[in-house]
């Protein structure tokens, strides 16, 4: 069962995603993912970063789409 997000929370996450998608590609790369974690006060080791990127990048494209990003946030923890 997936978690639900309020519309407001989803809008906030979209703003974060778009703010860190510096190239405007519609995807975030591993460096942008690192920046998000650091700015949220959760700096990651290189191993943690690689693990998180692999977990989010479900289509193994090498970058994280909005769909992959929001799907991860909806996972129950």
PDB file of N, CA and C in Angstrom:
ATOM      1  N   UNK A   1       0.843  -1.174   0.000  1.00  0.00           N
ATOM      2  CA  UNK A   1       0.000   0.000   0.000  1.00  0.00           C
ATOM      3  C   UNK A   1       0.890   1.240   0.000  1.00  0.00           C
ATOM      4  N   UNK A   2       0.644   2.163  -0.911  1.00  0.00           N
ATOM      5  CA  UNK A   2       1.479   3.350  -0.975  1.00  0.00           C
ATOM      6  C   UNK A   2       0.923   4.430  -0.057  1.00  0.00           C
ATOM      7  N   UNK A   3       1.816   5.260   0.413  1.00  0.00           N
ATOM      8  CA  UNK A   3       1.419   6.378   1.247  1.00  0.00           C
ATOM      9  C   UNK A   3       0.808   7.450   0.354  1.00  0.00           C
ATOM     10  N   UNK A   4      -0.053   8.245   0.929  1.00  0.00           N
ATOM     11  CA  UNK A   4      -0.619   9.344   0.158  1.00  0.00           C
ATOM     12  C   UNK A   4       0.010  10.638   0.623  1.00  0.00           C
ATOM     13  N   UNK A   5       0.130  11.555  -0.307  1.00  0.00           N
ATOM     14  CA  UNK A   5       0.659  12.870   0.004  1.00  0.00           C
ATOM     15  C   UNK A   5      -0.444  13.887  -0.227  1.00  0.00           C
ATOM     16  N   UNK A   6      -0.481  14.894   0.607  1.00  0.00           N
ATOM     17  CA  UNK A   6      -1.444  15.961   0.363  1.00  0.00           C
ATOM     18  C   UNK A   6      -1.028  16.704  -0.905  1.00  0.00           C
ATOM     19  N   UNK A   7      -1.983  17.379  -1.517  1.00  0.00           N
ATOM     20  CA  UNK A   7      -1.666  18.159  -2.714  1.00  0.00           C
ATOM     21  C   UNK A   7      -0.603  19.203  -2.397  1.00  0.00           C
ATOM     22  N   UNK A   8      -0.696  19.804  -1.220  1.00  0.00           N
ATOM     23  CA  UNK A   8       0.279  20.821  -0.824  1.00  0.00           C
ATOM     24  C   UNK A   8       1.678  20.213  -0.706  1.00  0.00           C
ATOM     25  N   UNK A   9       1.781  19.052  -0.078  1.00  0.00           N
ATOM     26  CA  UNK A   9       3.078  18.397   0.073  1.00  0.00           C
ATOM     27  C   UNK A   9       3.642  18.022  -1.293  1.00  0.00           C
ATOM     28  N   UNK A  10       2.792  17.526  -2.177  1.00  0.00           N
ATOM     29  CA  UNK A  10       3.255  17.166  -3.515  1.00  0.00           C
ATOM     30  C   UNK A  10       3.727  18.406  -4.277  1.00  0.00           C
ATOM     31  N   UNK A  11       3.028  19.530  -4.118  1.00  0.00           N
ATOM     32  CA  UNK A  11       3.468  20.790  -4.758  1.00  0.00           C
ATOM     33  C   UNK A  11       4.824  21.225  -4.213  1.00  0.00           C
ATOM     34  N   UNK A  12       5.010  21.093  -2.900  1.00  0.00           N
ATOM     35  CA  UNK A  12       6.297  21.451  -2.294  1.00  0.00           C
ATOM     36  C   UNK A  12       7.413  20.570  -2.842  1.00  0.00           C
ATOM     37  N   UNK A  13       7.148  19.275  -2.964  1.00  0.00           N
ATOM     38  CA  UNK A  13       8.150  18.359  -3.513  1.00  0.00           C
ATOM     39  C   UNK A  13       8.443  18.689  -4.969  1.00  0.00           C
ATOM     40  N   UNK A  14       7.418  19.074  -5.722  1.00  0.00           N
ATOM     41  CA  UNK A  14       7.635  19.441  -7.129  1.00  0.00           C
ATOM     42  C   UNK A  14       8.519  20.676  -7.217  1.00  0.00           C
ATOM     43  N   UNK A  15       8.299  21.635  -6.327  1.00  0.00           N
ATOM     44  CA  UNK A  15       9.126  22.841  -6.325  1.00  0.00           C
ATOM     45  C   UNK A  15      10.573  22.486  -6.001  1.00  0.00           C
ATOM     46  N   UNK A  16      10.778  21.630  -5.017  1.00  0.00           N
ATOM     47  CA  UNK A  16      12.133  21.190  -4.678  1.00  0.00           C
ATOM     48  C   UNK A  16      12.769  20.514  -5.883  1.00  0.00           C
ATOM     49  N   UNK A  17      12.045  19.596  -6.503  1.00  0.00           N
ATOM     50  CA  UNK A  17      12.569  18.875  -7.665  1.00  0.00           C
ATOM     51  C   UNK A  17      12.953  19.861  -8.763  1.00  0.00           C
ATOM     52  N   UNK A  18      12.052  20.778  -9.091  1.00  0.00           N
ATOM     53  CA  UNK A  18      12.315  21.742 -10.163  1.00  0.00           C
ATOM     54  C   UNK A  18      13.466  22.678  -9.813  1.00  0.00           C
ATOM     55  N   UNK A  19      13.553  23.092  -8.544  1.00  0.00           N
ATOM     56  CA  UNK A  19      14.644  23.977  -8.122  1.00  0.00           C
ATOM     57  C   UNK A  19      16.006  23.311  -8.283  1.00  0.00           C
ATOM     58  N   UNK A  20      16.078  22.025  -8.052  1.00  0.00           N
ATOM     59  CA  UNK A  20      17.356  21.317  -8.135  1.00  0.00           C
ATOM     60  C   UNK A  20      17.642  20.760  -9.524  1.00  0.00           C
ATOM     61  N   UNK A  21      16.657  20.749 -10.380  1.00  0.00           N
ATOM     62  CA  UNK A  21      16.854  20.350 -11.776  1.00  0.00           C
ATOM     63  C   UNK A  21      17.467  21.549 -12.499  1.00  0.00           C
ATOM     64  N   UNK A  22      18.729  21.796 -12.188  1.00  0.00           N
ATOM     65  CA  UNK A  22      19.402  23.016 -12.636  1.00  0.00           C
ATOM     66  C   UNK A  22      19.451  23.157 -14.151  1.00  0.00           C
ATOM     67  N   UNK A  23      19.568  22.052 -14.856  1.00  0.00           N
ATOM     68  CA  UNK A  23      19.631  22.115 -16.312  1.00  0.00           C
ATOM     69  C   UNK A  23      18.269  22.178 -16.976  1.00  0.00           C
ATOM     70  N   UNK A  24      17.208  22.026 -16.188  1.00  0.00           N
ATOM     71  CA  UNK A  24      15.863  22.048 -16.740  1.00  0.00           C
ATOM     72  C   UNK A  24      15.546  20.846 -17.614  1.00  0.00           C
ATOM     73  N   UNK A  25      16.237  19.739 -17.362  1.00  0.00           N
ATOM     74  CA  UNK A  25      16.086  18.536 -18.188  1.00  0.00           C
ATOM     75  C   UNK A  25      14.828  17.733 -17.860  1.00  0.00           C
ATOM     76  N   UNK A  26      14.220  18.011 -16.704  1.00  0.00           N
ATOM     77  CA  UNK A  26      13.091  17.198 -16.260  1.00  0.00           C
ATOM     78  C   UNK A  26      13.523  16.012 -15.418  1.00  0.00           C
ATOM     79  N   UNK A  27      14.824  15.879 -15.231  1.00  0.00           N
ATOM     80  CA  UNK A  27      15.410  14.818 -14.412  1.00  0.00           C
ATOM     81  C   UNK A  27      16.432  15.442 -13.476  1.00  0.00           C
ATOM     82  N   UNK A  28      16.717  14.759 -12.373  1.00  0.00           N
ATOM     83  CA  UNK A  28      17.834  15.179 -11.536  1.00  0.00           C
ATOM     84  C   UNK A  28      18.905  14.104 -11.603  1.00  0.00           C
ATOM     85  N   UNK A  29      20.143  14.559 -11.596  1.00  0.00           N
ATOM     86  CA  UNK A  29      21.254  13.611 -11.636  1.00  0.00           C
ATOM     87  C   UNK A  29      21.790  13.406 -10.223  1.00  0.00           C
ATOM     88  N   UNK A  30      22.812  12.612 -10.112  1.00  0.00           N
ATOM     89  CA  UNK A  30      23.331  12.248  -8.789  1.00  0.00           C
ATOM     90  C   UNK A  30      23.894  13.462  -8.047  1.00  0.00           C
ATOM     91  N   UNK A  31      24.490  14.406  -8.771  1.00  0.00           N
ATOM     92  CA  UNK A  31      25.007  15.611  -8.116  1.00  0.00           C
ATOM     93  C   UNK A  31      23.869  16.467  -7.570  1.00  0.00           C
ATOM     94  N   UNK A  32      22.786  16.567  -8.332  1.00  0.00           N
ATOM     95  CA  UNK A  32      21.627  17.324  -7.865  1.00  0.00           C
ATOM     96  C   UNK A  32      20.969  16.618  -6.678  1.00  0.00           C
ATOM     97  N   UNK A  33      20.958  15.295  -6.693  1.00  0.00           N
ATOM     98  CA  UNK A  33      20.434  14.523  -5.563  1.00  0.00           C
ATOM     99  C   UNK A  33      21.284  14.770  -4.318  1.00  0.00           C
ATOM    100  N   UNK A  34      22.598  14.821  -4.488  1.00  0.00           N
ATOM    101  CA  UNK A  34      23.503  15.121  -3.370  1.00  0.00           C
ATOM    102  C   UNK A  34      23.168  16.495  -2.787  1.00  0.00           C
ATOM    103  N   UNK A  35      22.950  17.479  -3.657  1.00  0.00           N
ATOM    104  CA  UNK A  35      22.627  18.833  -3.205  1.00  0.00           C
ATOM    105  C   UNK A  35      21.325  18.858  -2.408  1.00  0.00           C
ATOM    106  N   UNK A  36      20.321  18.124  -2.868  1.00  0.00           N
ATOM    107  CA  UNK A  36      19.047  18.064  -2.140  1.00  0.00           C
ATOM    108  C   UNK A  36      19.278  17.519  -0.733  1.00  0.00           C
ATOM    109  N   UNK A  37      19.977  16.403  -0.632  1.00  0.00           N
ATOM    110  CA  UNK A  37      20.222  15.782   0.675  1.00  0.00           C
ATOM    111  C   UNK A  37      20.988  16.726   1.598  1.00  0.00           C
ATOM    112  N   UNK A  38      22.033  17.368   1.066  1.00  0.00           N
ATOM    113  CA  UNK A  38      22.825  18.287   1.892  1.00  0.00           C
ATOM    114  C   UNK A  38      21.982  19.463   2.371  1.00  0.00           C
ATOM    115  N   UNK A  39      21.197  20.035   1.468  1.00  0.00           N
ATOM    116  CA  UNK A  39      20.386  21.190   1.841  1.00  0.00           C
ATOM    117  C   UNK A  39      19.256  20.830   2.800  1.00  0.00           C
ATOM    118  N   UNK A  40      18.861  19.558   2.818  1.00  0.00           N
ATOM    119  CA  UNK A  40      17.861  19.101   3.789  1.00  0.00           C
ATOM    120  C   UNK A  40      18.504  18.704   5.120  1.00  0.00           C
ATOM    121  N   UNK A  41      19.823  18.911   5.226  1.00  0.00           N
ATOM    122  CA  UNK A  41      20.531  18.601   6.461  1.00  0.00           C
ATOM    123  C   UNK A  41      20.871  17.139   6.614  1.00  0.00           C
ATOM    124  N   UNK A  42      20.877  16.403   5.517  1.00  0.00           N
ATOM    125  CA  UNK A  42      21.171  14.970   5.537  1.00  0.00           C
ATOM    126  C   UNK A  42      22.286  14.639   4.548  1.00  0.00           C
ATOM    127  N   UNK A  43      23.492  15.159   4.785  1.00  0.00           N
ATOM    128  CA  UNK A  43      24.572  14.837   3.844  1.00  0.00           C
ATOM    129  C   UNK A  43      24.801  13.330   3.792  1.00  0.00           C
ATOM    130  N   UNK A  44      25.059  12.836   2.591  1.00  0.00           N
ATOM    131  CA  UNK A  44      25.220  11.398   2.383  1.00  0.00           C
ATOM    132  C   UNK A  44      26.654  11.066   2.015  1.00  0.00           C
ATOM    133  N   UNK A  45      27.125   9.927   2.497  1.00  0.00           N
ATOM    134  CA  UNK A  45      28.423   9.430   2.045  1.00  0.00           C
ATOM    135  C   UNK A  45      28.269   9.027   0.580  1.00  0.00           C
ATOM    136  N   UNK A  46      29.367   8.808  -0.091  1.00  0.00           N
ATOM    137  CA  UNK A  46      29.305   8.403  -1.501  1.00  0.00           C
ATOM    138  C   UNK A  46      28.542   7.088  -1.658  1.00  0.00           C
ATOM    139  N   UNK A  47      28.751   6.163  -0.737  1.00  0.00           N
ATOM    140  CA  UNK A  47      28.045   4.872  -0.797  1.00  0.00           C
ATOM    141  C   UNK A  47      26.543   5.073  -0.590  1.00  0.00           C
ATOM    142  N   UNK A  48      26.170   5.886   0.394  1.00  0.00           N
ATOM    143  CA  UNK A  48      24.751   6.158   0.638  1.00  0.00           C
ATOM    144  C   UNK A  48      24.107   6.839  -0.567  1.00  0.00           C
ATOM    145  N   UNK A  49      24.841   7.775  -1.163  1.00  0.00           N
ATOM    146  CA  UNK A  49      24.336   8.487  -2.329  1.00  0.00           C
ATOM    147  C   UNK A  49      24.115   7.535  -3.501  1.00  0.00           C
ATOM    148  N   UNK A  50      25.073   6.658  -3.742  1.00  0.00           N
ATOM    149  CA  UNK A  50      24.943   5.682  -4.825  1.00  0.00           C
ATOM    150  C   UNK A  50      23.745   4.757  -4.571  1.00  0.00           C
ATOM    151  N   UNK A  51      23.581   4.331  -3.340  1.00  0.00           N
ATOM    152  CA  UNK A  51      22.457   3.454  -2.985  1.00  0.00           C
ATOM    153  C   UNK A  51      21.123   4.164  -3.217  1.00  0.00           C
ATOM    154  N   UNK A  52      21.027   5.405  -2.738  1.00  0.00           N
ATOM    155  CA  UNK A  52      19.789   6.162  -2.893  1.00  0.00           C
ATOM    156  C   UNK A  52      19.484   6.403  -4.368  1.00  0.00           C
ATOM    157  N   UNK A  53      20.491   6.763  -5.138  1.00  0.00           N
ATOM    158  CA  UNK A  53      20.287   7.001  -6.567  1.00  0.00           C
ATOM    159  C   UNK A  53      19.784   5.734  -7.250  1.00  0.00           C
ATOM    160  N   UNK A  54      20.368   4.607  -6.898  1.00  0.00           N
ATOM    161  CA  UNK A  54      19.940   3.335  -7.493  1.00  0.00           C
ATOM    162  C   UNK A  54      18.503   3.008  -7.090  1.00  0.00           C
ATOM    163  N   UNK A  55      18.158   3.288  -5.850  1.00  0.00           N
ATOM    164  CA  UNK A  55      16.803   3.030  -5.351  1.00  0.00           C
ATOM    165  C   UNK A  55      15.767   3.893  -6.076  1.00  0.00           C
ATOM    166  N   UNK A  56      16.090   5.151  -6.304  1.00  0.00           N
ATOM    167  CA  UNK A  56      15.151   6.057  -6.956  1.00  0.00           C
ATOM    168  C   UNK A  56      15.078   5.844  -8.460  1.00  0.00           C
ATOM    169  N   UNK A  57      16.189   5.537  -9.093  1.00  0.00           N
ATOM    170  CA  UNK A  57      16.270   5.411 -10.556  1.00  0.00           C
ATOM    171  C   UNK A  57      15.775   4.034 -10.996  1.00  0.00           C
ATOM    172  N   UNK A  58      14.474   3.836 -10.921  1.00  0.00           N
ATOM    173  CA  UNK A  58      13.908   2.510 -11.174  1.00  0.00           C
ATOM    174  C   UNK A  58      14.018   2.063 -12.625  1.00  0.00           C
ATOM    175  N   UNK A  59      14.128   3.002 -13.560  1.00  0.00           N
ATOM    176  CA  UNK A  59      14.270   2.605 -14.965  1.00  0.00           C
ATOM    177  C   UNK A  59      15.734   2.510 -15.397  1.00  0.00           C
ATOM    178  N   UNK A  60      16.644   2.737 -14.431  1.00  0.00           N
ATOM    179  CA  UNK A  60      18.093   2.622 -14.650  1.00  0.00           C
ATOM    180  C   UNK A  60      18.585   3.494 -15.800  1.00  0.00           C
ATOM    181  N   UNK A  61      18.013   4.702 -15.908  1.00  0.00           N
ATOM    182  CA  UNK A  61      18.402   5.630 -16.969  1.00  0.00           C
ATOM    183  C   UNK A  61      19.642   6.445 -16.612  1.00  0.00           C
ATOM    184  N   UNK A  62      20.020   6.419 -15.342  1.00  0.00           N
ATOM    185  CA  UNK A  62      21.155   7.221 -14.899  1.00  0.00           C
ATOM    186  C   UNK A  62      20.746   8.568 -14.327  1.00  0.00           C
ATOM    187  N   UNK A  63      19.445   8.854 -14.352  1.00  0.00           N
ATOM    188  CA  UNK A  63      18.925  10.071 -13.738  1.00  0.00           C
ATOM    189  C   UNK A  63      17.553   9.755 -13.146  1.00  0.00           C
ATOM    190  N   UNK A  64      17.049  10.679 -12.349  1.00  0.00           N
ATOM    191  CA  UNK A  64      15.799  10.453 -11.620  1.00  0.00           C
ATOM    192  C   UNK A  64      14.733  11.396 -12.163  1.00  0.00           C
ATOM    193  N   UNK A  65      13.681  10.822 -12.692  1.00  0.00           N
ATOM    194  CA  UNK A  65      12.578  11.621 -13.229  1.00  0.00           C
ATOM    195  C   UNK A  65      11.658  12.061 -12.088  1.00  0.00           C
ATOM    196  N   UNK A  66      10.782  13.008 -12.397  1.00  0.00           N
ATOM    197  CA  UNK A  66       9.788  13.425 -11.418  1.00  0.00           C
ATOM    198  C   UNK A  66       8.950  12.226 -10.973  1.00  0.00           C
ATOM    199  N   UNK A  67       8.550  11.384 -11.905  1.00  0.00           N
ATOM    200  CA  UNK A  67       7.731  10.212 -11.584  1.00  0.00           C
ATOM    201  C   UNK A  67       8.449   9.295 -10.603  1.00  0.00           C
ATOM    202  N   UNK A  68       9.742   9.061 -10.824  1.00  0.00           N
ATOM    203  CA  UNK A  68      10.516   8.212  -9.911  1.00  0.00           C
ATOM    204  C   UNK A  68      10.675   8.888  -8.552  1.00  0.00           C
ATOM    205  N   UNK A  69      10.924  10.187  -8.567  1.00  0.00           N
ATOM    206  CA  UNK A  69      11.128  10.955  -7.343  1.00  0.00           C
ATOM    207  C   UNK A  69       9.882  10.916  -6.466  1.00  0.00           C
ATOM    208  N   UNK A  70       8.726  11.208  -7.049  1.00  0.00           N
ATOM    209  CA  UNK A  70       7.498  11.256  -6.252  1.00  0.00           C
ATOM    210  C   UNK A  70       7.065   9.859  -5.826  1.00  0.00           C
ATOM    211  N   UNK A  71       7.310   8.862  -6.659  1.00  0.00           N
ATOM    212  CA  UNK A  71       6.967   7.480  -6.280  1.00  0.00           C
ATOM    213  C   UNK A  71       7.744   7.067  -5.040  1.00  0.00           C
ATOM    214  N   UNK A  72       9.003   7.462  -4.953  1.00  0.00           N
ATOM    215  CA  UNK A  72       9.830   7.125  -3.791  1.00  0.00           C
ATOM    216  C   UNK A  72       9.276   7.791  -2.534  1.00  0.00           C
ATOM    217  N   UNK A  73       8.849   9.054  -2.644  1.00  0.00           N
ATOM    218  CA  UNK A  73       8.294   9.758  -1.490  1.00  0.00           C
ATOM    219  C   UNK A  73       6.997   9.129  -1.011  1.00  0.00           C
ATOM    220  N   UNK A  74       6.294   8.451  -1.911  1.00  0.00           N
ATOM    221  CA  UNK A  74       5.021   7.829  -1.545  1.00  0.00           C
ATOM    222  C   UNK A  74       5.193   6.446  -0.921  1.00  0.00           C
ATOM    223  N   UNK A  75       6.413   5.926  -0.922  1.00  0.00           N
ATOM    224  CA  UNK A  75       6.652   4.619  -0.312  1.00  0.00           C
ATOM    225  C   UNK A  75       6.461   4.694   1.197  1.00  0.00           C
ATOM    226  N   UNK A  76       5.886   3.663   1.790  1.00  0.00           N
ATOM    227  CA  UNK A  76       5.776   3.653   3.255  1.00  0.00           C
ATOM    228  C   UNK A  76       7.155   3.406   3.873  1.00  0.00           C
ATOM    229  N   UNK A  77       7.459   4.118   4.926  1.00  0.00           N
ATOM    230  CA  UNK A  77       8.755   3.958   5.598  1.00  0.00           C
ATOM    231  C   UNK A  77       8.565   3.346   6.956  1.00  0.00           C
TER     232      UNK A  77
END
